[in-house]
Amino acid sequence: MLLLLTIAWLAACRPVQAATEKLIQLERTACMGPCPVDEITVYTDGRMEYKGGENAPRQGTYRSRLTAAERKQLIAKFDAANFFAFQDSYVSTKLDYPTKYITYWKGGKSKRIRDYDGAPAALKALEAELIKLIKADRWQQSAMPAR
């Protein structure tokens, strides 16, 4: 009995691993033309998930992983661009543009930006970094359980 109690106590005292949280996400929406509809999510542990819809480079759900160095570089780019200082939304009166939603989580806060048109070059550069990841030949298709 004492052995069982000791094992239970040791299991309860194990350090709790931090939950993996979202770090960065880019969602691209449809337009009247061949705009890709997809979403990439990068997690704090470097894990990445990709969901591709119509006109996307690949359809379905895929997984990949960033190295620690790649993750650090990506975070550095978001910080150097001063992501939290961007406006919440960039829009214009132009018709039929796809909308991009880019979100960054850091230090207990998050910001989601809607980019329909007119975003500054620094924000477009961050979007381009994520699109490069989407297009990279590093994804493994995964079966997602039905919700």
N, C-alpha and C. Protein backbone atom coordinates (compact mmCIF):
# COMPACT_ATOMS: atom_id res chain seq x y z
N MET A 1 0.83 -1.19 0.00
CA MET A 1 0.00 0.00 0.00
C MET A 1 0.88 1.27 0.00
N LEU A 2 1.93 1.23 0.82
CA LEU A 2 2.83 2.37 0.88
C LEU A 2 3.48 2.63 -0.47
N LEU A 3 3.81 1.55 -1.18
CA LEU A 3 4.41 1.68 -2.50
C LEU A 3 3.45 2.39 -3.46
N LEU A 4 2.18 2.02 -3.44
CA LEU A 4 1.18 2.66 -4.30
C LEU A 4 1.02 4.13 -3.98
N LEU A 5 1.01 4.48 -2.71
CA LEU A 5 0.90 5.88 -2.29
C LEU A 5 2.12 6.68 -2.75
N THR A 6 3.30 6.06 -2.64
CA THR A 6 4.52 6.74 -3.06
C THR A 6 4.50 6.99 -4.57
N ILE A 7 4.07 6.00 -5.34
CA ILE A 7 3.99 6.16 -6.79
C ILE A 7 2.98 7.25 -7.14
N ALA A 8 1.84 7.25 -6.49
CA ALA A 8 0.83 8.28 -6.75
C ALA A 8 1.36 9.66 -6.40
N TRP A 9 2.08 9.77 -5.29
CA TRP A 9 2.64 11.06 -4.87
C TRP A 9 3.67 11.55 -5.88
N LEU A 10 4.54 10.65 -6.34
CA LEU A 10 5.56 11.03 -7.31
C LEU A 10 4.92 11.46 -8.63
N ALA A 11 3.88 10.77 -9.06
CA ALA A 11 3.20 11.14 -10.30
C ALA A 11 2.56 12.52 -10.17
N ALA A 12 2.01 12.82 -9.01
CA ALA A 12 1.37 14.13 -8.79
C ALA A 12 2.40 15.25 -8.72
N CYS A 13 3.61 14.94 -8.34
CA CYS A 13 4.65 15.97 -8.19
C CYS A 13 5.43 16.22 -9.47
N ARG A 14 5.16 15.44 -10.52
CA ARG A 14 5.84 15.65 -11.78
C ARG A 14 5.60 17.07 -12.28
N PRO A 15 6.60 17.70 -12.89
CA PRO A 15 6.36 19.02 -13.44
C PRO A 15 5.31 18.94 -14.55
N VAL A 16 4.42 19.88 -14.54
CA VAL A 16 3.38 19.92 -15.56
C VAL A 16 3.95 20.63 -16.79
N GLN A 17 3.85 19.98 -17.92
CA GLN A 17 4.34 20.61 -19.13
C GLN A 17 3.38 21.69 -19.57
N ALA A 18 3.94 22.79 -20.03
CA ALA A 18 3.11 23.89 -20.50
C ALA A 18 2.33 23.47 -21.73
N ALA A 19 1.10 23.89 -21.78
CA ALA A 19 0.27 23.58 -22.94
C ALA A 19 0.83 24.29 -24.16
N THR A 20 0.80 23.59 -25.27
CA THR A 20 1.24 24.21 -26.52
C THR A 20 0.17 25.20 -26.94
N GLU A 21 0.58 26.39 -27.21
CA GLU A 21 -0.36 27.44 -27.58
C GLU A 21 -0.07 27.94 -28.97
N LYS A 22 -1.07 28.59 -29.54
CA LYS A 22 -0.88 29.20 -30.85
C LYS A 22 0.11 30.34 -30.73
N LEU A 23 0.92 30.49 -31.77
CA LEU A 23 1.90 31.57 -31.83
C LEU A 23 1.55 32.54 -32.96
N ILE A 24 1.31 31.99 -34.15
CA ILE A 24 1.02 32.81 -35.32
C ILE A 24 0.01 32.07 -36.19
N GLN A 25 -0.88 32.84 -36.80
CA GLN A 25 -1.85 32.23 -37.71
C GLN A 25 -2.11 33.17 -38.89
N LEU A 26 -2.23 32.59 -40.07
CA LEU A 26 -2.61 33.33 -41.27
C LEU A 26 -3.76 32.59 -41.92
N GLU A 27 -4.84 33.32 -42.19
CA GLU A 27 -5.99 32.76 -42.88
C GLU A 27 -6.22 33.59 -44.14
N ARG A 28 -6.37 32.90 -45.27
CA ARG A 28 -6.65 33.58 -46.53
C ARG A 28 -8.05 33.16 -47.00
N THR A 29 -8.83 34.16 -47.45
CA THR A 29 -10.22 33.91 -47.81
C THR A 29 -10.42 33.96 -49.32
N ALA A 30 -11.60 33.57 -49.73
CA ALA A 30 -11.95 33.48 -51.15
C ALA A 30 -12.16 34.85 -51.79
N CYS A 31 -12.11 34.84 -53.11
CA CYS A 31 -12.48 35.99 -53.93
C CYS A 31 -13.22 35.42 -55.14
N MET A 32 -13.58 36.26 -56.07
CA MET A 32 -14.29 35.78 -57.27
C MET A 32 -13.36 35.05 -58.24
N GLY A 33 -12.07 35.18 -58.07
CA GLY A 33 -11.10 34.52 -58.94
C GLY A 33 -10.48 33.31 -58.27
N PRO A 34 -9.25 32.98 -58.66
CA PRO A 34 -8.58 31.79 -58.13
C PRO A 34 -7.77 32.04 -56.86
N CYS A 35 -8.31 32.78 -55.93
CA CYS A 35 -7.60 33.07 -54.68
C CYS A 35 -7.55 31.82 -53.80
N PRO A 36 -6.40 31.53 -53.21
CA PRO A 36 -6.31 30.36 -52.33
C PRO A 36 -7.08 30.60 -51.03
N VAL A 37 -7.79 29.58 -50.62
CA VAL A 37 -8.50 29.59 -49.34
C VAL A 37 -7.78 28.60 -48.45
N ASP A 38 -7.10 29.11 -47.43
CA ASP A 38 -6.33 28.22 -46.57
C ASP A 38 -6.00 28.90 -45.25
N GLU A 39 -5.35 28.11 -44.38
CA GLU A 39 -4.98 28.61 -43.05
C GLU A 39 -3.74 27.87 -42.58
N ILE A 40 -2.79 28.63 -42.06
CA ILE A 40 -1.60 28.04 -41.42
C ILE A 40 -1.56 28.52 -39.98
N THR A 41 -1.27 27.59 -39.08
CA THR A 41 -1.13 27.92 -37.67
C THR A 41 0.22 27.40 -37.19
N VAL A 42 0.99 28.28 -36.56
CA VAL A 42 2.28 27.92 -35.97
C VAL A 42 2.09 27.94 -34.46
N TYR A 43 2.54 26.88 -33.81
CA TYR A 43 2.40 26.76 -32.35
C TYR A 43 3.72 27.06 -31.65
N THR A 44 3.64 27.33 -30.35
CA THR A 44 4.82 27.73 -29.58
C THR A 44 5.89 26.66 -29.55
N ASP A 45 5.53 25.40 -29.75
CA ASP A 45 6.54 24.33 -29.75
C ASP A 45 7.13 24.08 -31.14
N GLY A 46 6.72 24.91 -32.13
CA GLY A 46 7.25 24.76 -33.49
C GLY A 46 6.37 23.93 -34.40
N ARG A 47 5.38 23.28 -33.83
CA ARG A 47 4.46 22.49 -34.64
C ARG A 47 3.67 23.42 -35.56
N MET A 48 3.36 22.95 -36.77
CA MET A 48 2.56 23.74 -37.70
C MET A 48 1.43 22.88 -38.24
N GLU A 49 0.28 23.52 -38.45
CA GLU A 49 -0.86 22.87 -39.08
C GLU A 49 -1.28 23.70 -40.27
N TYR A 50 -1.65 23.03 -41.33
CA TYR A 50 -2.10 23.70 -42.54
C TYR A 50 -3.41 23.07 -42.98
N LYS A 51 -4.37 23.92 -43.33
CA LYS A 51 -5.65 23.45 -43.85
C LYS A 51 -5.88 24.16 -45.18
N GLY A 52 -5.89 23.38 -46.25
CA GLY A 52 -6.05 23.94 -47.58
C GLY A 52 -7.42 23.66 -48.15
N GLY A 53 -8.02 24.69 -48.72
CA GLY A 53 -9.31 24.58 -49.38
C GLY A 53 -9.16 24.84 -50.86
N GLU A 54 -10.18 25.45 -51.46
CA GLU A 54 -10.16 25.67 -52.90
C GLU A 54 -9.03 26.61 -53.32
N ASN A 55 -8.45 26.29 -54.44
CA ASN A 55 -7.35 27.05 -55.05
C ASN A 55 -6.08 27.11 -54.20
N ALA A 56 -6.02 26.35 -53.13
CA ALA A 56 -4.85 26.33 -52.26
C ALA A 56 -3.76 25.44 -52.88
N PRO A 57 -2.51 25.63 -52.47
CA PRO A 57 -1.42 24.81 -53.00
C PRO A 57 -1.64 23.31 -52.77
N ARG A 58 -2.38 22.97 -51.70
CA ARG A 58 -2.73 21.58 -51.42
C ARG A 58 -4.05 21.59 -50.66
N GLN A 59 -4.87 20.59 -50.88
CA GLN A 59 -6.15 20.51 -50.19
C GLN A 59 -6.06 19.50 -49.06
N GLY A 60 -6.77 19.79 -47.98
CA GLY A 60 -6.79 18.88 -46.84
C GLY A 60 -6.01 19.45 -45.68
N THR A 61 -5.73 18.58 -44.73
CA THR A 61 -5.03 18.97 -43.50
C THR A 61 -3.63 18.36 -43.50
N TYR A 62 -2.66 19.20 -43.16
CA TYR A 62 -1.26 18.78 -43.17
C TYR A 62 -0.57 19.26 -41.90
N ARG A 63 0.52 18.60 -41.59
CA ARG A 63 1.32 18.97 -40.42
C ARG A 63 2.79 19.08 -40.82
N SER A 64 3.49 19.92 -40.07
CA SER A 64 4.93 20.07 -40.25
C SER A 64 5.49 20.65 -38.96
N ARG A 65 6.76 20.97 -38.96
CA ARG A 65 7.39 21.51 -37.76
C ARG A 65 8.50 22.47 -38.15
N LEU A 66 8.60 23.55 -37.41
CA LEU A 66 9.72 24.48 -37.55
C LEU A 66 10.83 24.02 -36.61
N THR A 67 12.07 24.24 -37.01
CA THR A 67 13.16 24.01 -36.08
C THR A 67 13.13 25.15 -35.05
N ALA A 68 13.87 24.98 -33.97
CA ALA A 68 13.93 26.03 -32.96
C ALA A 68 14.49 27.32 -33.56
N ALA A 69 15.48 27.19 -34.43
CA ALA A 69 16.08 28.37 -35.07
C ALA A 69 15.07 29.06 -35.99
N GLU A 70 14.31 28.28 -36.76
CA GLU A 70 13.30 28.87 -37.65
C GLU A 70 12.22 29.59 -36.85
N ARG A 71 11.81 28.98 -35.76
CA ARG A 71 10.79 29.60 -34.90
C ARG A 71 11.31 30.91 -34.32
N LYS A 72 12.54 30.91 -33.85
CA LYS A 72 13.15 32.12 -33.30
C LYS A 72 13.22 33.23 -34.34
N GLN A 73 13.60 32.87 -35.56
CA GLN A 73 13.70 33.86 -36.65
C GLN A 73 12.33 34.44 -36.98
N LEU A 74 11.31 33.59 -37.01
CA LEU A 74 9.96 34.06 -37.31
C LEU A 74 9.47 35.02 -36.23
N ILE A 75 9.68 34.67 -34.98
CA ILE A 75 9.29 35.54 -33.87
C ILE A 75 10.05 36.87 -33.96
N ALA A 76 11.34 36.79 -34.26
CA ALA A 76 12.15 38.01 -34.37
C ALA A 76 11.61 38.93 -35.46
N LYS A 77 11.14 38.36 -36.57
CA LYS A 77 10.58 39.17 -37.66
C LYS A 77 9.29 39.86 -37.22
N PHE A 78 8.44 39.15 -36.49
CA PHE A 78 7.21 39.76 -36.00
C PHE A 78 7.51 40.86 -34.99
N ASP A 79 8.49 40.62 -34.13
CA ASP A 79 8.86 41.64 -33.14
C ASP A 79 9.54 42.84 -33.80
N ALA A 80 10.42 42.60 -34.76
CA ALA A 80 11.10 43.69 -35.45
C ALA A 80 10.11 44.56 -36.23
N ALA A 81 9.04 43.95 -36.73
CA ALA A 81 8.02 44.70 -37.47
C ALA A 81 7.07 45.45 -36.52
N ASN A 82 7.25 45.23 -35.21
CA ASN A 82 6.39 45.85 -34.20
C ASN A 82 4.91 45.53 -34.48
N PHE A 83 4.64 44.23 -34.57
CA PHE A 83 3.32 43.74 -34.99
C PHE A 83 2.17 44.38 -34.21
N PHE A 84 2.32 44.53 -32.92
CA PHE A 84 1.22 45.05 -32.10
C PHE A 84 0.92 46.53 -32.36
N ALA A 85 1.79 47.21 -33.11
CA ALA A 85 1.56 48.62 -33.43
C ALA A 85 0.79 48.81 -34.75
N PHE A 86 0.63 47.75 -35.53
CA PHE A 86 -0.14 47.87 -36.76
C PHE A 86 -1.60 48.18 -36.45
N GLN A 87 -2.29 48.76 -37.42
CA GLN A 87 -3.73 48.96 -37.28
C GLN A 87 -4.43 47.61 -37.21
N ASP A 88 -5.66 47.60 -36.71
CA ASP A 88 -6.42 46.36 -36.63
C ASP A 88 -6.96 45.92 -37.99
N SER A 89 -7.10 46.86 -38.91
CA SER A 89 -7.71 46.55 -40.19
C SER A 89 -7.19 47.47 -41.28
N TYR A 90 -6.98 46.88 -42.46
CA TYR A 90 -6.59 47.65 -43.65
C TYR A 90 -7.60 47.30 -44.74
N VAL A 91 -8.37 48.30 -45.16
CA VAL A 91 -9.42 48.06 -46.15
C VAL A 91 -9.40 49.17 -47.20
N SER A 92 -10.07 48.90 -48.31
CA SER A 92 -10.21 49.91 -49.35
C SER A 92 -11.57 49.72 -49.99
N THR A 93 -11.86 50.54 -50.98
CA THR A 93 -13.14 50.42 -51.68
C THR A 93 -13.03 49.51 -52.90
N LYS A 94 -11.85 48.94 -53.12
CA LYS A 94 -11.68 48.03 -54.25
C LYS A 94 -12.55 46.79 -54.03
N LEU A 95 -12.99 46.20 -55.14
CA LEU A 95 -13.87 45.05 -55.05
C LEU A 95 -13.13 43.75 -55.34
N ASP A 96 -13.62 42.70 -54.75
CA ASP A 96 -13.19 41.32 -55.01
C ASP A 96 -11.73 41.03 -54.68
N TYR A 97 -11.24 41.57 -53.60
CA TYR A 97 -9.92 41.19 -53.12
C TYR A 97 -10.11 40.10 -52.06
N PRO A 98 -9.16 39.19 -51.95
CA PRO A 98 -9.24 38.24 -50.84
C PRO A 98 -8.85 38.98 -49.55
N THR A 99 -9.32 38.49 -48.45
CA THR A 99 -8.94 39.05 -47.16
C THR A 99 -7.96 38.11 -46.48
N LYS A 100 -6.94 38.68 -45.87
CA LYS A 100 -6.01 37.89 -45.06
C LYS A 100 -6.20 38.33 -43.61
N TYR A 101 -6.26 37.36 -42.73
CA TYR A 101 -6.30 37.61 -41.30
C TYR A 101 -5.01 37.04 -40.72
N ILE A 102 -4.24 37.89 -40.07
CA ILE A 102 -2.98 37.44 -39.48
C ILE A 102 -3.04 37.75 -37.98
N THR A 103 -2.69 36.75 -37.19
CA THR A 103 -2.78 36.86 -35.73
C THR A 103 -1.44 36.47 -35.12
N TYR A 104 -1.08 37.20 -34.07
CA TYR A 104 0.17 36.92 -33.34
C TYR A 104 -0.15 36.92 -31.86
N TRP A 105 0.30 35.86 -31.17
CA TRP A 105 0.12 35.74 -29.73
C TRP A 105 1.49 35.83 -29.07
N LYS A 106 1.63 36.71 -28.08
CA LYS A 106 2.91 36.81 -27.37
C LYS A 106 2.72 37.49 -26.03
N GLY A 107 3.35 36.94 -25.01
CA GLY A 107 3.35 37.56 -23.70
C GLY A 107 1.96 37.78 -23.12
N GLY A 108 1.06 36.84 -23.35
CA GLY A 108 -0.28 36.95 -22.79
C GLY A 108 -1.22 37.86 -23.56
N LYS A 109 -0.75 38.41 -24.68
CA LYS A 109 -1.66 39.24 -25.48
C LYS A 109 -1.66 38.74 -26.91
N SER A 110 -2.66 39.18 -27.65
CA SER A 110 -2.75 38.79 -29.05
C SER A 110 -3.32 39.95 -29.86
N LYS A 111 -3.07 39.88 -31.15
CA LYS A 111 -3.62 40.88 -32.06
C LYS A 111 -3.96 40.16 -33.36
N ARG A 112 -5.16 40.44 -33.87
CA ARG A 112 -5.61 39.90 -35.15
C ARG A 112 -5.83 41.07 -36.09
N ILE A 113 -5.19 41.00 -37.26
CA ILE A 113 -5.27 42.09 -38.23
C ILE A 113 -5.99 41.60 -39.48
N ARG A 114 -6.91 42.41 -39.95
CA ARG A 114 -7.62 42.14 -41.19
C ARG A 114 -6.92 42.93 -42.29
N ASP A 115 -6.43 42.22 -43.31
CA ASP A 115 -5.78 42.87 -44.44
C ASP A 115 -6.57 42.58 -45.70
N TYR A 116 -7.43 43.52 -46.06
CA TYR A 116 -8.17 43.43 -47.31
C TYR A 116 -7.37 44.12 -48.43
N ASP A 117 -6.83 45.28 -48.11
CA ASP A 117 -6.03 46.02 -49.08
C ASP A 117 -5.38 47.19 -48.36
N GLY A 118 -4.19 47.55 -48.77
CA GLY A 118 -3.55 48.75 -48.26
C GLY A 118 -2.68 48.56 -47.03
N ALA A 119 -2.35 47.32 -46.69
CA ALA A 119 -1.48 47.10 -45.53
C ALA A 119 -0.07 47.58 -45.84
N PRO A 120 0.67 48.01 -44.83
CA PRO A 120 2.05 48.47 -45.05
C PRO A 120 2.96 47.31 -45.47
N ALA A 121 4.06 47.67 -46.10
CA ALA A 121 5.02 46.68 -46.62
C ALA A 121 5.52 45.74 -45.53
N ALA A 122 5.70 46.23 -44.31
CA ALA A 122 6.20 45.38 -43.23
C ALA A 122 5.22 44.27 -42.88
N LEU A 123 3.92 44.57 -42.92
CA LEU A 123 2.91 43.55 -42.66
C LEU A 123 2.84 42.57 -43.83
N LYS A 124 2.91 43.09 -45.05
CA LYS A 124 2.91 42.23 -46.24
C LYS A 124 4.12 41.27 -46.21
N ALA A 125 5.24 41.75 -45.69
CA ALA A 125 6.44 40.90 -45.61
C ALA A 125 6.21 39.74 -44.63
N LEU A 126 5.52 40.01 -43.53
CA LEU A 126 5.20 38.93 -42.58
C LEU A 126 4.25 37.91 -43.22
N GLU A 127 3.26 38.40 -43.93
CA GLU A 127 2.35 37.50 -44.64
C GLU A 127 3.13 36.65 -45.63
N ALA A 128 4.07 37.26 -46.34
CA ALA A 128 4.88 36.55 -47.33
C ALA A 128 5.71 35.44 -46.67
N GLU A 129 6.22 35.69 -45.47
CA GLU A 129 6.98 34.66 -44.75
C GLU A 129 6.11 33.44 -44.49
N LEU A 130 4.88 33.67 -44.09
CA LEU A 130 3.97 32.56 -43.82
C LEU A 130 3.54 31.86 -45.10
N ILE A 131 3.37 32.62 -46.17
CA ILE A 131 3.02 32.01 -47.46
C ILE A 131 4.17 31.15 -47.98
N LYS A 132 5.42 31.57 -47.71
CA LYS A 132 6.57 30.73 -48.08
C LYS A 132 6.51 29.38 -47.35
N LEU A 133 6.12 29.42 -46.08
CA LEU A 133 5.97 28.18 -45.33
C LEU A 133 4.87 27.31 -45.93
N ILE A 134 3.77 27.94 -46.33
CA ILE A 134 2.66 27.20 -46.94
C ILE A 134 3.14 26.49 -48.20
N LYS A 135 3.91 27.17 -49.01
CA LYS A 135 4.34 26.63 -50.30
C LYS A 135 5.51 25.66 -50.19
N ALA A 136 6.17 25.62 -49.05
CA ALA A 136 7.35 24.76 -48.88
C ALA A 136 6.99 23.28 -48.99
N ASP A 137 7.95 22.51 -49.45
CA ASP A 137 7.76 21.07 -49.60
C ASP A 137 8.19 20.37 -48.30
N ARG A 138 7.42 20.62 -47.24
CA ARG A 138 7.77 20.06 -45.95
C ARG A 138 6.57 19.49 -45.21
N TRP A 139 5.43 19.44 -45.86
CA TRP A 139 4.18 19.07 -45.22
C TRP A 139 3.87 17.59 -45.37
N GLN A 140 3.31 17.01 -44.31
CA GLN A 140 2.84 15.63 -44.31
C GLN A 140 1.34 15.64 -44.10
N GLN A 141 0.61 15.00 -45.00
CA GLN A 141 -0.85 14.99 -44.86
C GLN A 141 -1.23 14.19 -43.62
N SER A 142 -2.23 14.69 -42.93
CA SER A 142 -2.68 14.01 -41.73
C SER A 142 -4.19 13.88 -41.75
N ALA A 143 -4.64 12.82 -41.14
CA ALA A 143 -6.09 12.60 -41.03
C ALA A 143 -6.55 13.26 -39.75
N MET A 144 -7.49 14.16 -39.88
CA MET A 144 -8.04 14.85 -38.71
C MET A 144 -9.33 14.15 -38.31
N PRO A 145 -9.54 13.90 -37.03
CA PRO A 145 -10.80 13.30 -36.60
C PRO A 145 -11.97 14.25 -36.87
N ALA A 146 -13.09 13.68 -37.21
CA ALA A 146 -14.30 14.50 -37.46
C ALA A 146 -14.76 15.13 -36.16
N ARG A 147 -15.22 16.34 -36.28
CA ARG A 147 -15.71 17.04 -35.08
C ARG A 147 -17.16 16.80 -34.86
